[in-house]
Every structure is written in C-alpha cells, then in structure tokens.
C-alpha cells in the first residue's frame, strides 16, 4: 500500500541530512547535484539489486539500475500516475504483474485491447477509479513482447492484490494469446 502525506507512509522517505549519502555512480549525478532536494525516497524492497538514482521534481528516488540507463520519460509518467492516484485516494494498492504475449506483436494493439477489458473488469469489481501502467519489453532475439504492468486501486476497497490479480487472469481468458503472472518480489 502507498499512502499520501496525511496517512502513515509505507514508502520510506527521509529529509536529506548530509552530503555524505551514497549515490550510484552510473547516473553521472553526485551528492552536490542533489543539494536542493527536499527528500530522498528509499526503495527498501530492492536491496538485492543494483540501485541508481532518479530525480523527479526535487525528490530523489532509488530505482533499479541497468546498463542502458533509465528512461526518464517512462519514469516521469509512472510517478505522475502514482501521484495522481494519491491525490484521488488517501490510500492506494499497487499490484504489479507481468503479461506475456504468445503471438508476434509488431505494435501495442493487443495490450490496448487487453487494457480496455481489464479496466472494465476492475471498475466493475471495485466500483472505483483504477489506473493501469504498462511498459513493453522485447528482446532482440524474440519477436514476442512481454509487458511489465501495475494497477493502482483504491486502498480502502482493495485490501490485497489477489482479488485484482483474479481480474487480470479473467481478462487473459478473454484474450487467449496472453498470460499473466505475479513476480516474486
């Protein structure tokens, strides 16, 4: 669960206390370039991965770091959706899942149809506003893409991710060339 500033936060944040904090060198940013930041968001669930730094409106986020870098356009859009959901509801539930596609997908028309079906099911099930965010990933050696997705739900109506994932699977049933699963972490 993520909560807004009026509720008990689950995502840990700290006011930047010193210039001695550790930052990932792959981003090209240094502690001096963060001197105007109001807070730093620490991702406590990703301790086993290499973390990089992403700056969003004077807030520094620790994110997974990869050789090819961080796509700032995707990150900005994702954080915008999170903040929009937190403006709408005092508590949100984020459910992350992966969607595999079994057919060749030269464009994103399949995920667009799947998204429409899934949002219809989730709206009916929870009777509240729902957000879906997805990013396509396709390796050079495969013609089939897969998608990393997350759903944002009203945390007062959705108490666990299992009910939402059942709706994800129901949408997969309506689109037989897809399959969804929950990642381990």
Protein backbone atom coordinates (compact mmCIF):
# COMPACT_ATOMS: atom_id res chain seq x y z
CA UNK A 1 0.00 0.00 0.00
CA UNK A 2 1.10 3.54 -0.68
CA UNK A 3 -0.46 6.42 1.21
CA UNK A 4 -0.49 10.16 0.85
CA UNK A 5 1.07 12.63 3.26
CA UNK A 6 -1.96 12.61 5.57
CA UNK A 7 -1.62 8.88 6.22
CA UNK A 8 1.15 6.66 7.59
CA UNK A 9 3.65 6.24 4.71
CA UNK A 10 4.70 2.78 3.61
CA UNK A 11 7.26 4.05 1.14
CA UNK A 12 10.09 5.28 3.35
CA UNK A 13 11.32 8.80 2.86
CA UNK A 14 13.87 10.96 4.64
CA UNK A 15 14.77 14.60 4.55
CA UNK A 16 18.27 14.78 3.14
CA UNK A 17 20.51 15.21 6.17
CA UNK A 18 24.04 15.36 4.77
CA UNK A 19 26.14 15.40 1.66
CA UNK A 20 27.64 12.05 2.74
CA UNK A 21 24.75 9.93 1.44
CA UNK A 22 25.68 7.20 -1.06
CA UNK A 23 24.54 7.52 -4.67
CA UNK A 24 25.05 5.26 -7.65
CA UNK A 25 27.84 6.50 -9.89
CA UNK A 26 26.27 5.18 -13.13
CA UNK A 27 23.81 8.07 -13.32
CA UNK A 28 26.52 10.73 -13.54
CA UNK A 29 24.92 12.57 -10.63
CA UNK A 30 26.82 13.46 -7.49
CA UNK A 31 25.64 14.32 -3.97
CA UNK A 32 26.37 18.00 -4.75
CA UNK A 33 23.82 17.96 -7.58
CA UNK A 34 21.14 16.88 -5.07
CA UNK A 35 21.70 19.75 -2.63
CA UNK A 36 18.35 21.38 -3.44
CA UNK A 37 16.30 18.20 -2.98
CA UNK A 38 13.72 18.16 -0.22
CA UNK A 39 13.55 14.41 0.26
CA UNK A 40 15.06 11.14 -0.82
CA UNK A 41 12.85 8.09 -1.44
CA UNK A 42 14.50 4.80 -0.49
CA UNK A 43 13.33 1.57 -2.09
CA UNK A 44 13.74 -0.84 0.81
CA UNK A 45 12.38 -3.85 -1.09
CA UNK A 46 15.10 -3.77 -3.78
CA UNK A 47 18.18 -4.26 -1.59
CA UNK A 48 19.46 -7.21 -3.62
CA UNK A 49 19.61 -5.24 -6.88
CA UNK A 50 21.95 -2.50 -8.05
CA UNK A 51 20.21 0.79 -7.42
CA UNK A 52 20.54 4.00 -9.37
CA UNK A 53 19.16 7.45 -8.69
CA UNK A 54 16.29 9.22 -10.44
CA UNK A 55 15.45 12.86 -9.77
CA UNK A 56 11.79 13.86 -10.02
CA UNK A 57 10.73 17.39 -9.03
CA UNK A 58 13.32 17.80 -6.25
CA UNK A 59 12.73 14.28 -4.95
CA UNK A 60 15.40 11.66 -5.39
CA UNK A 61 14.17 8.10 -5.98
CA UNK A 62 16.30 4.99 -5.74
CA UNK A 63 15.44 2.79 -8.72
CA UNK A 64 16.83 -0.36 -10.30
CA UNK A 65 19.89 0.46 -12.36
CA UNK A 66 20.66 -1.15 -15.72
CA UNK A 67 23.50 -0.84 -18.23
CA UNK A 68 21.35 1.01 -20.78
CA UNK A 69 20.26 3.65 -18.24
CA UNK A 70 16.91 4.93 -17.04
CA UNK A 71 14.19 6.12 -19.43
CA UNK A 72 13.22 9.44 -17.82
CA UNK A 73 10.06 9.81 -19.91
CA UNK A 74 8.69 6.49 -18.64
CA UNK A 75 9.76 7.25 -15.06
CA UNK A 76 8.12 10.69 -15.10
CA UNK A 77 4.86 9.27 -16.45
CA UNK A 78 4.85 6.46 -13.88
CA UNK A 79 5.46 8.79 -10.94
CA UNK A 80 2.82 11.20 -12.30
CA UNK A 81 0.28 8.34 -12.27
CA UNK A 82 1.22 7.38 -8.72
CA UNK A 83 0.82 10.97 -7.53
CA UNK A 84 -2.47 11.37 -9.39
CA UNK A 85 -3.82 8.25 -7.70
CA UNK A 86 -2.64 9.51 -4.30
CA UNK A 87 -4.37 12.83 -4.95
CA UNK A 88 -7.57 10.92 -5.74
CA UNK A 89 -7.46 8.43 -2.82
CA UNK A 90 -5.81 8.70 0.59
CA UNK A 91 -4.56 5.11 0.27
CA UNK A 92 -3.77 3.09 -2.85
CA UNK A 93 -2.90 -0.53 -3.52
CA UNK A 94 -0.33 -1.14 -6.24
CA UNK A 95 -0.43 -4.58 -7.87
CA UNK A 96 2.43 -5.41 -10.20
CA UNK A 97 2.20 -8.21 -12.75
CA UNK A 98 3.82 -9.32 -15.99
CA UNK A 99 1.88 -10.06 -19.15
CA UNK A 100 3.25 -12.44 -21.78
CA UNK A 101 2.02 -12.43 -25.36
CA UNK A 102 2.19 -15.66 -27.34
CA UNK A 103 1.85 -14.14 -30.79
CA UNK A 104 4.08 -11.78 -32.74
CA UNK A 105 3.30 -8.22 -31.73
CA UNK A 106 4.66 -5.54 -34.08
CA UNK A 107 2.67 -2.86 -32.23
CA UNK A 108 0.76 -2.42 -28.97
CA UNK A 109 -2.76 -3.07 -30.25
CA UNK A 110 -3.09 -6.27 -28.19
CA UNK A 111 -2.19 -4.58 -24.89
CA UNK A 112 -4.60 -1.76 -25.75
CA UNK A 113 -7.46 -4.24 -26.14
CA UNK A 114 -6.36 -6.12 -23.02
CA UNK A 115 -6.19 -2.85 -21.05
CA UNK A 116 -9.73 -1.92 -22.04
CA UNK A 117 -11.05 -5.34 -20.94
CA UNK A 118 -9.10 -5.34 -17.68
CA UNK A 119 -10.13 -1.81 -16.67
CA UNK A 120 -13.77 -2.70 -17.34
CA UNK A 121 -13.49 -5.75 -15.03
CA UNK A 122 -11.64 -3.83 -12.31
CA UNK A 123 -14.06 -0.87 -12.44
CA UNK A 124 -16.99 -3.23 -12.04
CA UNK A 125 -15.32 -5.28 -9.28
CA UNK A 126 -14.09 -2.37 -7.13
CA UNK A 127 -16.55 0.33 -8.22
CA UNK A 128 -13.84 2.97 -8.11
CA UNK A 129 -11.28 4.62 -10.37
CA UNK A 130 -8.46 2.32 -11.50
CA UNK A 131 -5.16 3.13 -13.20
CA UNK A 132 -3.09 0.76 -15.33
CA UNK A 133 0.52 1.44 -16.31
CA UNK A 134 2.50 -0.78 -18.68
CA UNK A 135 5.92 -0.86 -20.31
CA UNK A 136 6.73 -3.10 -23.27
CA UNK A 137 9.90 -5.17 -23.26
CA UNK A 138 11.11 -7.16 -26.24
CA UNK A 139 14.46 -8.81 -26.59
CA UNK A 140 16.31 -8.62 -29.94
CA UNK A 141 16.27 -12.41 -30.30
CA UNK A 142 12.49 -12.77 -29.92
CA UNK A 143 9.57 -11.49 -31.97
CA UNK A 144 7.25 -11.79 -28.96
CA UNK A 145 6.99 -8.97 -26.46
CA UNK A 146 6.04 -9.03 -22.83
CA UNK A 147 4.77 -6.22 -20.64
CA UNK A 148 5.58 -5.10 -17.12
CA UNK A 149 2.36 -3.72 -15.65
CA UNK A 150 0.97 -2.29 -12.48
CA UNK A 151 -2.53 -1.44 -11.36
CA UNK A 152 -3.40 1.32 -8.90
CA UNK A 153 -6.56 0.75 -6.86
CA UNK A 154 -8.40 2.49 -4.04
CA UNK A 155 -6.69 1.03 -0.95
CA UNK A 156 -9.87 1.34 1.10
CA UNK A 157 -11.75 -1.00 -1.24
CA UNK A 158 -8.91 -3.31 -2.34
CA UNK A 159 -7.34 -4.98 0.67
CA UNK A 160 -4.96 -7.34 -1.17
CA UNK A 161 -3.60 -7.83 -4.65
CA UNK A 162 -5.09 -11.30 -5.06
CA UNK A 163 -8.59 -10.06 -5.99
CA UNK A 164 -7.13 -7.71 -8.58
CA UNK A 165 -4.94 -10.48 -9.98
CA UNK A 166 -8.01 -12.67 -10.41
CA UNK A 167 -9.44 -9.91 -12.62
CA UNK A 168 -6.11 -9.81 -14.52
CA UNK A 169 -6.44 -13.56 -15.16
CA UNK A 170 -10.09 -13.15 -16.18
CA UNK A 171 -9.02 -10.57 -18.79
CA UNK A 172 -6.38 -13.04 -20.03
CA UNK A 173 -9.16 -15.60 -20.51
CA UNK A 174 -10.85 -13.12 -22.86
CA UNK A 175 -7.55 -12.64 -24.74
CA UNK A 176 -6.25 -16.21 -25.17
CA UNK A 177 -2.89 -15.17 -26.62
CA UNK A 178 -1.90 -13.61 -23.27
CA UNK A 179 -0.87 -14.96 -19.87
CA UNK A 180 -0.20 -13.07 -16.65
CA UNK A 181 1.78 -13.86 -13.55
CA UNK A 182 2.84 -12.18 -10.33
CA UNK A 183 6.59 -11.69 -9.88
CA UNK A 184 8.19 -12.99 -6.68
CA UNK A 185 9.03 -9.56 -5.26
